[in-house]
Amino acid sequence: MIMNFPNSSELLRHSQKEALYPKLVAQLGKDFVLANISFEIAQDITPNDLKIILHEKIYFLIMEKFSDYLNLLYIVDVPEKAIREIAVTDVVEVAEQVSFLILQRELQKVWLKTRYS
């Protein structure tokens, strides 16, 4: 599976098309629990709402709980190189790009588990 999505919306659309969206939501919730961060996601959340809520949560973590933010990135296993490549403009844009990287990594995990289980 090629993971070259231009943005979060395309990634989430693709996950729905491949019937991986419910597993993606579950994996996201699981990793937030592992990082000990409160983030409740309904299983029937729409992709657009998921994108918005995740973006808001990442923004909050960057601004208020930076150590929890770093722990989440470690738990999700977002590549450090990808984080370094983010062009720092403002925190809102950084949070959006990090949200996309998290969704990308979570989809990759779900796809691999589905494919090789």
PDB file of N, CA and C in Angstrom:
ATOM      1  N   MET A   1       0.844  -1.179   0.000  1.00  0.00           N
ATOM      2  CA  MET A   1       0.000   0.000   0.000  1.00  0.00           C
ATOM      3  C   MET A   1       0.889   1.242   0.000  1.00  0.00           C
ATOM      4  N   ILE A   2       0.633   2.109  -0.914  1.00  0.00           N
ATOM      5  CA  ILE A   2       1.396   3.345  -1.018  1.00  0.00           C
ATOM      6  C   ILE A   2       0.772   4.366  -0.084  1.00  0.00           C
ATOM      7  N   MET A   3       1.599   5.007   0.732  1.00  0.00           N
ATOM      8  CA  MET A   3       1.112   5.961   1.730  1.00  0.00           C
ATOM      9  C   MET A   3       1.402   7.396   1.321  1.00  0.00           C
ATOM     10  N   ASN A   4       1.261   7.716   0.059  1.00  0.00           N
ATOM     11  CA  ASN A   4       1.522   9.073  -0.416  1.00  0.00           C
ATOM     12  C   ASN A   4       0.218   9.844  -0.556  1.00  0.00           C
ATOM     13  N   PHE A   5      -0.301  10.295   0.568  1.00  0.00           N
ATOM     14  CA  PHE A   5      -1.527  11.071   0.554  1.00  0.00           C
ATOM     15  C   PHE A   5      -1.173  12.540   0.679  1.00  0.00           C
ATOM     16  N   PRO A   6      -1.856  13.400  -0.063  1.00  0.00           N
ATOM     17  CA  PRO A   6      -1.531  14.830   0.009  1.00  0.00           C
ATOM     18  C   PRO A   6      -1.992  15.497   1.303  1.00  0.00           C
ATOM     19  N   ASN A   7      -3.036  14.936   1.931  1.00  0.00           N
ATOM     20  CA  ASN A   7      -3.554  15.547   3.156  1.00  0.00           C
ATOM     21  C   ASN A   7      -4.378  14.533   3.951  1.00  0.00           C
ATOM     22  N   SER A   8      -4.816  14.950   5.110  1.00  0.00           N
ATOM     23  CA  SER A   8      -5.582  14.074   6.003  1.00  0.00           C
ATOM     24  C   SER A   8      -6.914  13.646   5.392  1.00  0.00           C
ATOM     25  N   SER A   9      -7.559  14.545   4.678  1.00  0.00           N
ATOM     26  CA  SER A   9      -8.859  14.214   4.085  1.00  0.00           C
ATOM     27  C   SER A   9      -8.744  13.064   3.100  1.00  0.00           C
ATOM     28  N   GLU A  10      -7.731  13.108   2.251  1.00  0.00           N
ATOM     29  CA  GLU A  10      -7.518  12.018   1.291  1.00  0.00           C
ATOM     30  C   GLU A  10      -7.178  10.711   1.998  1.00  0.00           C
ATOM     31  N   LEU A  11      -6.365  10.803   3.030  1.00  0.00           N
ATOM     32  CA  LEU A  11      -5.991   9.618   3.793  1.00  0.00           C
ATOM     33  C   LEU A  11      -7.226   8.978   4.411  1.00  0.00           C
ATOM     34  N   LEU A  12      -8.073   9.787   5.029  1.00  0.00           N
ATOM     35  CA  LEU A  12      -9.276   9.256   5.664  1.00  0.00           C
ATOM     36  C   LEU A  12     -10.266   8.715   4.635  1.00  0.00           C
ATOM     37  N   ARG A  13     -10.372   9.372   3.487  1.00  0.00           N
ATOM     38  CA  ARG A  13     -11.230   8.873   2.406  1.00  0.00           C
ATOM     39  C   ARG A  13     -10.747   7.501   1.937  1.00  0.00           C
ATOM     40  N   HIS A  14      -9.438   7.369   1.799  1.00  0.00           N
ATOM     41  CA  HIS A  14      -8.863   6.094   1.367  1.00  0.00           C
ATOM     42  C   HIS A  14      -9.106   5.004   2.420  1.00  0.00           C
ATOM     43  N   SER A  15      -8.961   5.361   3.692  1.00  0.00           N
ATOM     44  CA  SER A  15      -9.179   4.371   4.751  1.00  0.00           C
ATOM     45  C   SER A  15     -10.633   3.889   4.756  1.00  0.00           C
ATOM     46  N   GLN A  16     -11.563   4.778   4.437  1.00  0.00           N
ATOM     47  CA  GLN A  16     -12.964   4.359   4.328  1.00  0.00           C
ATOM     48  C   GLN A  16     -13.167   3.441   3.135  1.00  0.00           C
ATOM     49  N   LYS A  17     -12.573   3.798   2.015  1.00  0.00           N
ATOM     50  CA  LYS A  17     -12.708   2.996   0.802  1.00  0.00           C
ATOM     51  C   LYS A  17     -12.167   1.582   1.020  1.00  0.00           C
ATOM     52  N   GLU A  18     -11.087   1.475   1.774  1.00  0.00           N
ATOM     53  CA  GLU A  18     -10.461   0.172   2.042  1.00  0.00           C
ATOM     54  C   GLU A  18     -11.066  -0.536   3.256  1.00  0.00           C
ATOM     55  N   ALA A  19     -12.107   0.049   3.842  1.00  0.00           N
ATOM     56  CA  ALA A  19     -12.786  -0.494   5.028  1.00  0.00           C
ATOM     57  C   ALA A  19     -11.844  -0.589   6.233  1.00  0.00           C
ATOM     58  N   LEU A  20     -10.908   0.328   6.323  1.00  0.00           N
ATOM     59  CA  LEU A  20      -9.961   0.349   7.435  1.00  0.00           C
ATOM     60  C   LEU A  20     -10.262   1.470   8.433  1.00  0.00           C
ATOM     61  N   TYR A  21     -11.232   2.312   8.117  1.00  0.00           N
ATOM     62  CA  TYR A  21     -11.511   3.479   8.963  1.00  0.00           C
ATOM     63  C   TYR A  21     -11.860   3.111  10.406  1.00  0.00           C
ATOM     64  N   PRO A  22     -12.765   2.132  10.652  1.00  0.00           N
ATOM     65  CA  PRO A  22     -13.068   1.791  12.057  1.00  0.00           C
ATOM     66  C   PRO A  22     -11.834   1.298  12.821  1.00  0.00           C
ATOM     67  N   LYS A  23     -10.985   0.555  12.146  1.00  0.00           N
ATOM     68  CA  LYS A  23      -9.761   0.072  12.789  1.00  0.00           C
ATOM     69  C   LYS A  23      -8.789   1.220  13.039  1.00  0.00           C
ATOM     70  N   LEU A  24      -8.769   2.187  12.144  1.00  0.00           N
ATOM     71  CA  LEU A  24      -7.920   3.365  12.307  1.00  0.00           C
ATOM     72  C   LEU A  24      -8.360   4.157  13.540  1.00  0.00           C
ATOM     73  N   VAL A  25      -9.653   4.357  13.701  1.00  0.00           N
ATOM     74  CA  VAL A  25     -10.179   5.073  14.864  1.00  0.00           C
ATOM     75  C   VAL A  25      -9.833   4.309  16.146  1.00  0.00           C
ATOM     76  N   ALA A  26      -9.997   2.992  16.120  1.00  0.00           N
ATOM     77  CA  ALA A  26      -9.683   2.175  17.298  1.00  0.00           C
ATOM     78  C   ALA A  26      -8.195   2.235  17.636  1.00  0.00           C
ATOM     79  N   GLN A  27      -7.340   2.167  16.634  1.00  0.00           N
ATOM     80  CA  GLN A  27      -5.890   2.223  16.851  1.00  0.00           C
ATOM     81  C   GLN A  27      -5.483   3.578  17.416  1.00  0.00           C
ATOM     82  N   LEU A  28      -6.085   4.629  16.915  1.00  0.00           N
ATOM     83  CA  LEU A  28      -5.801   5.972  17.407  1.00  0.00           C
ATOM     84  C   LEU A  28      -6.169   6.081  18.890  1.00  0.00           C
ATOM     85  N   GLY A  29      -7.353   5.592  19.230  1.00  0.00           N
ATOM     86  CA  GLY A  29      -7.774   5.597  20.631  1.00  0.00           C
ATOM     87  C   GLY A  29      -6.856   4.776  21.511  1.00  0.00           C
ATOM     88  N   LYS A  30      -6.443   3.631  21.014  1.00  0.00           N
ATOM     89  CA  LYS A  30      -5.551   2.742  21.762  1.00  0.00           C
ATOM     90  C   LYS A  30      -4.207   3.419  22.041  1.00  0.00           C
ATOM     91  N   ASP A  31      -3.651   4.087  21.055  1.00  0.00           N
ATOM     92  CA  ASP A  31      -2.349   4.727  21.245  1.00  0.00           C
ATOM     93  C   ASP A  31      -2.437   5.932  22.175  1.00  0.00           C
ATOM     94  N   PHE A  32      -3.559   6.646  22.157  1.00  0.00           N
ATOM     95  CA  PHE A  32      -3.730   7.743  23.112  1.00  0.00           C
ATOM     96  C   PHE A  32      -3.813   7.191  24.536  1.00  0.00           C
ATOM     97  N   VAL A  33      -4.479   6.057  24.709  1.00  0.00           N
ATOM     98  CA  VAL A  33      -4.545   5.429  26.032  1.00  0.00           C
ATOM     99  C   VAL A  33      -3.145   4.997  26.468  1.00  0.00           C
ATOM    100  N   LEU A  34      -2.383   4.394  25.570  1.00  0.00           N
ATOM    101  CA  LEU A  34      -1.010   3.987  25.898  1.00  0.00           C
ATOM    102  C   LEU A  34      -0.139   5.178  26.283  1.00  0.00           C
ATOM    103  N   ALA A  35      -0.400   6.319  25.690  1.00  0.00           N
ATOM    104  CA  ALA A  35       0.357   7.541  26.005  1.00  0.00           C
ATOM    105  C   ALA A  35      -0.215   8.243  27.241  1.00  0.00           C
ATOM    106  N   ASN A  36      -1.270   7.661  27.824  1.00  0.00           N
ATOM    107  CA  ASN A  36      -1.912   8.207  29.017  1.00  0.00           C
ATOM    108  C   ASN A  36      -2.467   9.615  28.781  1.00  0.00           C
ATOM    109  N   ILE A  37      -3.076   9.784  27.612  1.00  0.00           N
ATOM    110  CA  ILE A  37      -3.689  11.062  27.246  1.00  0.00           C
ATOM    111  C   ILE A  37      -5.182  10.836  27.048  1.00  0.00           C
ATOM    112  N   SER A  38      -5.972  11.644  27.711  1.00  0.00           N
ATOM    113  CA  SER A  38      -7.418  11.538  27.601  1.00  0.00           C
ATOM    114  C   SER A  38      -7.862  12.018  26.211  1.00  0.00           C
ATOM    115  N   PHE A  39      -8.470  11.107  25.465  1.00  0.00           N
ATOM    116  CA  PHE A  39      -8.933  11.440  24.113  1.00  0.00           C
ATOM    117  C   PHE A  39      -9.978  10.416  23.715  1.00  0.00           C
ATOM    118  N   GLU A  40     -11.216  10.736  23.998  1.00  0.00           N
ATOM    119  CA  GLU A  40     -12.292   9.799  23.725  1.00  0.00           C
ATOM    120  C   GLU A  40     -12.853  10.050  22.333  1.00  0.00           C
ATOM    121  N   ILE A  41     -12.876   8.990  21.552  1.00  0.00           N
ATOM    122  CA  ILE A  41     -13.362   9.071  20.178  1.00  0.00           C
ATOM    123  C   ILE A  41     -14.494   8.067  20.021  1.00  0.00           C
ATOM    124  N   ALA A  42     -15.625   8.538  19.568  1.00  0.00           N
ATOM    125  CA  ALA A  42     -16.736   7.632  19.285  1.00  0.00           C
ATOM    126  C   ALA A  42     -16.396   6.813  18.038  1.00  0.00           C
ATOM    127  N   GLN A  43     -16.763   5.564  18.038  1.00  0.00           N
ATOM    128  CA  GLN A  43     -16.479   4.696  16.886  1.00  0.00           C
ATOM    129  C   GLN A  43     -17.196   5.159  15.625  1.00  0.00           C
ATOM    130  N   ASP A  44     -18.289   5.887  15.788  1.00  0.00           N
ATOM    131  CA  ASP A  44     -19.043   6.339  14.618  1.00  0.00           C
ATOM    132  C   ASP A  44     -18.723   7.785  14.223  1.00  0.00           C
ATOM    133  N   ILE A  45     -17.585   8.293  14.660  1.00  0.00           N
ATOM    134  CA  ILE A  45     -17.186   9.660  14.333  1.00  0.00           C
ATOM    135  C   ILE A  45     -16.931   9.785  12.827  1.00  0.00           C
ATOM    136  N   THR A  46     -17.330  10.909  12.269  1.00  0.00           N
ATOM    137  CA  THR A  46     -17.104  11.118  10.836  1.00  0.00           C
ATOM    138  C   THR A  46     -15.628  11.463  10.603  1.00  0.00           C
ATOM    139  N   PRO A  47     -15.118  11.162   9.426  1.00  0.00           N
ATOM    140  CA  PRO A  47     -13.720  11.484   9.135  1.00  0.00           C
ATOM    141  C   PRO A  47     -13.391  12.965   9.313  1.00  0.00           C
ATOM    142  N   ASN A  48     -14.283  13.838   8.896  1.00  0.00           N
ATOM    143  CA  ASN A  48     -14.026  15.269   9.040  1.00  0.00           C
ATOM    144  C   ASN A  48     -13.946  15.664  10.514  1.00  0.00           C
ATOM    145  N   ASP A  49     -14.864  15.132  11.323  1.00  0.00           N
ATOM    146  CA  ASP A  49     -14.840  15.422  12.757  1.00  0.00           C
ATOM    147  C   ASP A  49     -13.585  14.859  13.412  1.00  0.00           C
ATOM    148  N   LEU A  50     -13.174  13.674  12.997  1.00  0.00           N
ATOM    149  CA  LEU A  50     -11.947  13.080  13.526  1.00  0.00           C
ATOM    150  C   LEU A  50     -10.753  13.973  13.233  1.00  0.00           C
ATOM    151  N   LYS A  51     -10.678  14.443  12.013  1.00  0.00           N
ATOM    152  CA  LYS A  51      -9.571  15.308  11.601  1.00  0.00           C
ATOM    153  C   LYS A  51      -9.540  16.576  12.461  1.00  0.00           C
ATOM    154  N   ILE A  52     -10.692  17.177  12.674  1.00  0.00           N
ATOM    155  CA  ILE A  52     -10.782  18.414  13.457  1.00  0.00           C
ATOM    156  C   ILE A  52     -10.425  18.173  14.919  1.00  0.00           C
ATOM    157  N   ILE A  53     -10.984  17.127  15.507  1.00  0.00           N
ATOM    158  CA  ILE A  53     -10.739  16.842  16.923  1.00  0.00           C
ATOM    159  C   ILE A  53      -9.276  16.473  17.161  1.00  0.00           C
ATOM    160  N   LEU A  54      -8.705  15.690  16.269  1.00  0.00           N
ATOM    161  CA  LEU A  54      -7.293  15.319  16.408  1.00  0.00           C
ATOM    162  C   LEU A  54      -6.410  16.563  16.308  1.00  0.00           C
ATOM    163  N   HIS A  55      -6.701  17.420  15.359  1.00  0.00           N
ATOM    164  CA  HIS A  55      -5.935  18.651  15.191  1.00  0.00           C
ATOM    165  C   HIS A  55      -5.999  19.510  16.461  1.00  0.00           C
ATOM    166  N   GLU A  56      -7.189  19.648  17.013  1.00  0.00           N
ATOM    167  CA  GLU A  56      -7.351  20.440  18.236  1.00  0.00           C
ATOM    168  C   GLU A  56      -6.581  19.826  19.397  1.00  0.00           C
ATOM    169  N   LYS A  57      -6.623  18.505  19.498  1.00  0.00           N
ATOM    170  CA  LYS A  57      -5.928  17.823  20.594  1.00  0.00           C
ATOM    171  C   LYS A  57      -4.417  17.978  20.456  1.00  0.00           C
ATOM    172  N   ILE A  58      -3.899  17.844  19.263  1.00  0.00           N
ATOM    173  CA  ILE A  58      -2.454  17.996  19.039  1.00  0.00           C
ATOM    174  C   ILE A  58      -2.042  19.434  19.345  1.00  0.00           C
ATOM    175  N   TYR A  59      -2.832  20.388  18.926  1.00  0.00           N
ATOM    176  CA  TYR A  59      -2.552  21.797  19.226  1.00  0.00           C
ATOM    177  C   TYR A  59      -2.486  22.016  20.737  1.00  0.00           C
ATOM    178  N   PHE A  60      -3.465  21.480  21.453  1.00  0.00           N
ATOM    179  CA  PHE A  60      -3.498  21.614  22.907  1.00  0.00           C
ATOM    180  C   PHE A  60      -2.256  20.982  23.535  1.00  0.00           C
ATOM    181  N   LEU A  61      -1.889  19.799  23.081  1.00  0.00           N
ATOM    182  CA  LEU A  61      -0.721  19.120  23.643  1.00  0.00           C
ATOM    183  C   LEU A  61       0.562  19.914  23.399  1.00  0.00           C
ATOM    184  N   ILE A  62       0.706  20.454  22.213  1.00  0.00           N
ATOM    185  CA  ILE A  62       1.905  21.250  21.906  1.00  0.00           C
ATOM    186  C   ILE A  62       1.964  22.475  22.820  1.00  0.00           C
ATOM    187  N   MET A  63       0.832  23.129  23.001  1.00  0.00           N
ATOM    188  CA  MET A  63       0.804  24.373  23.766  1.00  0.00           C
ATOM    189  C   MET A  63       0.829  24.163  25.283  1.00  0.00           C
ATOM    190  N   GLU A  64       0.157  23.136  25.766  1.00  0.00           N
ATOM    191  CA  GLU A  64      -0.042  22.983  27.209  1.00  0.00           C
ATOM    192  C   GLU A  64       0.711  21.814  27.843  1.00  0.00           C
ATOM    193  N   LYS A  65       0.900  20.733  27.099  1.00  0.00           N
ATOM    194  CA  LYS A  65       1.499  19.522  27.679  1.00  0.00           C
ATOM    195  C   LYS A  65       2.510  18.940  26.700  1.00  0.00           C
ATOM    196  N   PHE A  66       3.604  19.647  26.531  1.00  0.00           N
ATOM    197  CA  PHE A  66       4.571  19.276  25.507  1.00  0.00           C
ATOM    198  C   PHE A  66       5.192  17.903  25.762  1.00  0.00           C
ATOM    199  N   SER A  67       5.438  17.552  27.016  1.00  0.00           N
ATOM    200  CA  SER A  67       6.020  16.230  27.295  1.00  0.00           C
ATOM    201  C   SER A  67       5.041  15.117  26.911  1.00  0.00           C
ATOM    202  N   ASP A  68       3.744  15.336  27.123  1.00  0.00           N
ATOM    203  CA  ASP A  68       2.742  14.353  26.699  1.00  0.00           C
ATOM    204  C   ASP A  68       2.701  14.251  25.171  1.00  0.00           C
ATOM    205  N   TYR A  69       2.857  15.383  24.516  1.00  0.00           N
ATOM    206  CA  TYR A  69       2.913  15.423  23.045  1.00  0.00           C
ATOM    207  C   TYR A  69       4.078  14.575  22.538  1.00  0.00           C
ATOM    208  N   LEU A  70       5.250  14.761  23.131  1.00  0.00           N
ATOM    209  CA  LEU A  70       6.425  13.981  22.717  1.00  0.00           C
ATOM    210  C   LEU A  70       6.223  12.499  23.000  1.00  0.00           C
ATOM    211  N   ASN A  71       5.611  12.179  24.128  1.00  0.00           N
ATOM    212  CA  ASN A  71       5.329  10.788  24.465  1.00  0.00           C
ATOM    213  C   ASN A  71       4.372  10.166  23.448  1.00  0.00           C
ATOM    214  N   LEU A  72       3.366  10.920  23.036  1.00  0.00           N
ATOM    215  CA  LEU A  72       2.414  10.433  22.028  1.00  0.00           C
ATOM    216  C   LEU A  72       3.131  10.126  20.718  1.00  0.00           C
ATOM    217  N   LEU A  73       4.003  11.037  20.290  1.00  0.00           N
ATOM    218  CA  LEU A  73       4.750  10.802  19.054  1.00  0.00           C
ATOM    219  C   LEU A  73       5.581   9.532  19.149  1.00  0.00           C
ATOM    220  N   TYR A  74       6.138   9.283  20.325  1.00  0.00           N
ATOM    221  CA  TYR A  74       6.929   8.062  20.545  1.00  0.00           C
ATOM    222  C   TYR A  74       6.034   6.824  20.491  1.00  0.00           C
ATOM    223  N   ILE A  75       4.900   6.871  21.171  1.00  0.00           N
ATOM    224  CA  ILE A  75       3.970   5.733  21.206  1.00  0.00           C
ATOM    225  C   ILE A  75       3.444   5.416  19.805  1.00  0.00           C
ATOM    226  N   VAL A  76       3.056   6.450  19.080  1.00  0.00           N
ATOM    227  CA  VAL A  76       2.514   6.258  17.729  1.00  0.00           C
ATOM    228  C   VAL A  76       3.620   5.812  16.773  1.00  0.00           C
ATOM    229  N   ASP A  77       4.850   6.199  17.085  1.00  0.00           N
ATOM    230  CA  ASP A  77       6.025   5.869  16.281  1.00  0.00           C
ATOM    231  C   ASP A  77       6.084   6.702  14.997  1.00  0.00           C
ATOM    232  N   VAL A  78       5.854   8.001  15.177  1.00  0.00           N
ATOM    233  CA  VAL A  78       6.005   8.931  14.062  1.00  0.00           C
ATOM    234  C   VAL A  78       7.499   9.116  13.831  1.00  0.00           C
ATOM    235  N   PRO A  79       7.974   8.960  12.604  1.00  0.00           N
ATOM    236  CA  PRO A  79       9.411   9.095  12.337  1.00  0.00           C
ATOM    237  C   PRO A  79       9.936  10.487  12.715  1.00  0.00           C
ATOM    238  N   GLU A  80      11.035  10.489  13.448  1.00  0.00           N
ATOM    239  CA  GLU A  80      11.643  11.748  13.882  1.00  0.00           C
ATOM    240  C   GLU A  80      12.035  12.614  12.688  1.00  0.00           C
ATOM    241  N   LYS A  81      12.467  11.968  11.638  1.00  0.00           N
ATOM    242  CA  LYS A  81      12.854  12.700  10.423  1.00  0.00           C
ATOM    243  C   LYS A  81      11.665  13.489   9.863  1.00  0.00           C
ATOM    244  N   ALA A  82      10.490  12.873   9.866  1.00  0.00           N
ATOM    245  CA  ALA A  82       9.287  13.547   9.354  1.00  0.00           C
ATOM    246  C   ALA A  82       8.931  14.761  10.211  1.00  0.00           C
ATOM    247  N   ILE A  83       9.123  14.651  11.505  1.00  0.00           N
ATOM    248  CA  ILE A  83       8.846  15.771  12.397  1.00  0.00           C
ATOM    249  C   ILE A  83       9.824  16.911  12.118  1.00  0.00           C
ATOM    250  N   ARG A  84      11.082  16.573  11.917  1.00  0.00           N
ATOM    251  CA  ARG A  84      12.089  17.603  11.634  1.00  0.00           C
ATOM    252  C   ARG A  84      11.841  18.312  10.311  1.00  0.00           C
ATOM    253  N   GLU A  85      11.205  17.644   9.361  1.00  0.00           N
ATOM    254  CA  GLU A  85      10.965  18.222   8.044  1.00  0.00           C
ATOM    255  C   GLU A  85       9.781  19.190   8.006  1.00  0.00           C
ATOM    256  N   ILE A  86       9.031  19.268   9.101  1.00  0.00           N
ATOM    257  CA  ILE A  86       7.889  20.190   9.145  1.00  0.00           C
ATOM    258  C   ILE A  86       8.417  21.618   9.149  1.00  0.00           C
ATOM    259  N   ALA A  87       7.891  22.397   8.225  1.00  0.00           N
ATOM    260  CA  ALA A  87       8.263  23.813   8.172  1.00  0.00           C
ATOM    261  C   ALA A  87       7.534  24.541   9.300  1.00  0.00           C
ATOM    262  N   VAL A  88       8.302  25.094  10.215  1.00  0.00           N
ATOM    263  CA  VAL A  88       7.706  25.769  11.367  1.00  0.00           C
ATOM    264  C   VAL A  88       7.226  27.155  10.937  1.00  0.00           C
ATOM    265  N   THR A  89       5.920  27.280  10.839  1.00  0.00           N
ATOM    266  CA  THR A  89       5.326  28.572  10.497  1.00  0.00           C
ATOM    267  C   THR A  89       4.603  29.101  11.730  1.00  0.00           C
ATOM    268  N   ASP A  90       3.561  28.417  12.127  1.00  0.00           N
ATOM    269  CA  ASP A  90       2.890  28.724  13.387  1.00  0.00           C
ATOM    270  C   ASP A  90       2.386  27.419  13.983  1.00  0.00           C
ATOM    271  N   VAL A  91       1.987  27.473  15.235  1.00  0.00           N
ATOM    272  CA  VAL A  91       1.619  26.257  15.957  1.00  0.00           C
ATOM    273  C   VAL A  91       0.408  25.577  15.341  1.00  0.00           C
ATOM    274  N   VAL A  92      -0.521  26.343  14.819  1.00  0.00           N
ATOM    275  CA  VAL A  92      -1.721  25.755  14.205  1.00  0.00           C
ATOM    276  C   VAL A  92      -1.332  24.907  13.004  1.00  0.00           C
ATOM    277  N   GLU A  93      -0.453  25.431  12.164  1.00  0.00           N
ATOM    278  CA  GLU A  93      -0.003  24.688  10.971  1.00  0.00           C
ATOM    279  C   GLU A  93       0.820  23.458  11.375  1.00  0.00           C
ATOM    280  N   VAL A  94       1.673  23.605  12.360  1.00  0.00           N
ATOM    281  CA  VAL A  94       2.480  22.470  12.837  1.00  0.00           C
ATOM    282  C   VAL A  94       1.563  21.375  13.373  1.00  0.00           C
ATOM    283  N   ALA A  95       0.556  21.754  14.158  1.00  0.00           N
ATOM    284  CA  ALA A  95      -0.389  20.778  14.710  1.00  0.00           C
ATOM    285  C   ALA A  95      -1.135  20.050  13.592  1.00  0.00           C
ATOM    286  N   GLU A  96      -1.472  20.770  12.533  1.00  0.00           N
ATOM    287  CA  GLU A  96      -2.158  20.137  11.401  1.00  0.00           C
ATOM    288  C   GLU A  96      -1.252  19.125  10.710  1.00  0.00           C
ATOM    289  N   GLN A  97      -0.011  19.485  10.502  1.00  0.00           N
ATOM    290  CA  GLN A  97       0.931  18.581   9.843  1.00  0.00           C
ATOM    291  C   GLN A  97       1.244  17.372  10.718  1.00  0.00           C
ATOM    292  N   VAL A  98       1.381  17.581  12.020  1.00  0.00           N
ATOM    293  CA  VAL A  98       1.637  16.467  12.934  1.00  0.00           C
ATOM    294  C   VAL A  98       0.432  15.534  12.981  1.00  0.00           C
ATOM    295  N   SER A  99      -0.764  16.098  12.969  1.00  0.00           N
ATOM    296  CA  SER A  99      -1.983  15.277  12.938  1.00  0.00           C
ATOM    297  C   SER A  99      -1.989  14.383  11.707  1.00  0.00           C
ATOM    298  N   PHE A 100      -1.591  14.939  10.581  1.00  0.00           N
ATOM    299  CA  PHE A 100      -1.512  14.161   9.348  1.00  0.00           C
ATOM    300  C   PHE A 100      -0.481  13.041   9.484  1.00  0.00           C
ATOM    301  N   LEU A 101       0.671  13.329  10.065  1.00  0.00           N
ATOM    302  CA  LEU A 101       1.706  12.301  10.255  1.00  0.00           C
ATOM    303  C   LEU A 101       1.220  11.190  11.182  1.00  0.00           C
ATOM    304  N   ILE A 102       0.482  11.568  12.211  1.00  0.00           N
ATOM    305  CA  ILE A 102      -0.067  10.565  13.132  1.00  0.00           C
ATOM    306  C   ILE A 102      -1.075   9.683  12.406  1.00  0.00           C
ATOM    307  N   LEU A 103      -1.980  10.298  11.652  1.00  0.00           N
ATOM    308  CA  LEU A 103      -2.962   9.507  10.903  1.00  0.00           C
ATOM    309  C   LEU A 103      -2.279   8.586   9.896  1.00  0.00           C
ATOM    310  N   GLN A 104      -1.242   9.092   9.268  1.00  0.00           N
ATOM    311  CA  GLN A 104      -0.508   8.298   8.285  1.00  0.00           C
ATOM    312  C   GLN A 104       0.107   7.058   8.942  1.00  0.00           C
ATOM    313  N   ARG A 105       0.747   7.263  10.088  1.00  0.00           N
ATOM    314  CA  ARG A 105       1.390   6.146  10.780  1.00  0.00           C
ATOM    315  C   ARG A 105       0.356   5.156  11.310  1.00  0.00           C
ATOM    316  N   GLU A 106      -0.755   5.668  11.831  1.00  0.00           N
ATOM    317  CA  GLU A 106      -1.797   4.791  12.349  1.00  0.00           C
ATOM    318  C   GLU A 106      -2.421   3.963  11.227  1.00  0.00           C
ATOM    319  N   LEU A 107      -2.637   4.575  10.080  1.00  0.00           N
ATOM    320  CA  LEU A 107      -3.170   3.821   8.938  1.00  0.00           C
ATOM    321  C   LEU A 107      -2.186   2.741   8.503  1.00  0.00           C
ATOM    322  N   GLN A 108      -0.927   3.070   8.514  1.00  0.00           N
ATOM    323  CA  GLN A 108       0.093   2.086   8.158  1.00  0.00           C
ATOM    324  C   GLN A 108       0.048   0.902   9.121  1.00  0.00           C
ATOM    325  N   LYS A 109      -0.065   1.160  10.413  1.00  0.00           N
ATOM    326  CA  LYS A 109      -0.156   0.082  11.408  1.00  0.00           C
ATOM    327  C   LYS A 109      -1.370  -0.804  11.139  1.00  0.00           C
ATOM    328  N   VAL A 110      -2.521  -0.146  10.928  1.00  0.00           N
ATOM    329  CA  VAL A 110      -3.768  -0.881  10.704  1.00  0.00           C
ATOM    330  C   VAL A 110      -3.677  -1.721   9.434  1.00  0.00           C
ATOM    331  N   TRP A 111      -3.148  -1.147   8.384  1.00  0.00           N
ATOM    332  CA  TRP A 111      -3.029  -1.855   7.117  1.00  0.00           C
ATOM    333  C   TRP A 111      -2.118  -3.075   7.268  1.00  0.00           C
ATOM    334  N   LEU A 112      -0.994  -2.891   7.956  1.00  0.00           N
ATOM    335  CA  LEU A 112      -0.059  -4.013   8.156  1.00  0.00           C
ATOM    336  C   LEU A 112      -0.697  -5.121   8.995  1.00  0.00           C
ATOM    337  N   LYS A 113      -1.399  -4.756  10.052  1.00  0.00           N
ATOM    338  CA  LYS A 113      -2.055  -5.763  10.898  1.00  0.00           C
ATOM    339  C   LYS A 113      -3.125  -6.516  10.119  1.00  0.00           C
ATOM    340  N   THR A 114      -3.867  -5.780   9.296  1.00  0.00           N
ATOM    341  CA  THR A 114      -4.929  -6.412   8.508  1.00  0.00           C
ATOM    342  C   THR A 114      -4.335  -7.320   7.453  1.00  0.00           C
ATOM    343  N   ARG A 115      -3.300  -6.853   6.815  1.00  0.00           N
ATOM    344  CA  ARG A 115      -2.685  -7.598   5.721  1.00  0.00           C
ATOM    345  C   ARG A 115      -1.970  -8.868   6.192  1.00  0.00           C
ATOM    346  N   TYR A 116      -1.312  -8.802   7.327  1.00  0.00           N
ATOM    347  CA  TYR A 116      -0.462  -9.911   7.748  1.00  0.00           C
ATOM    348  C   TYR A 116      -0.984 -10.647   8.976  1.00  0.00           C
ATOM    349  N   SER A 117      -2.249 -10.486   9.317  1.00  0.00           N
ATOM    350  CA  SER A 117      -2.813 -11.228  10.449  1.00  0.00           C
ATOM    351  C   SER A 117      -3.507 -12.476   9.967  1.00  0.00           C
TER     352      SER A 117
END
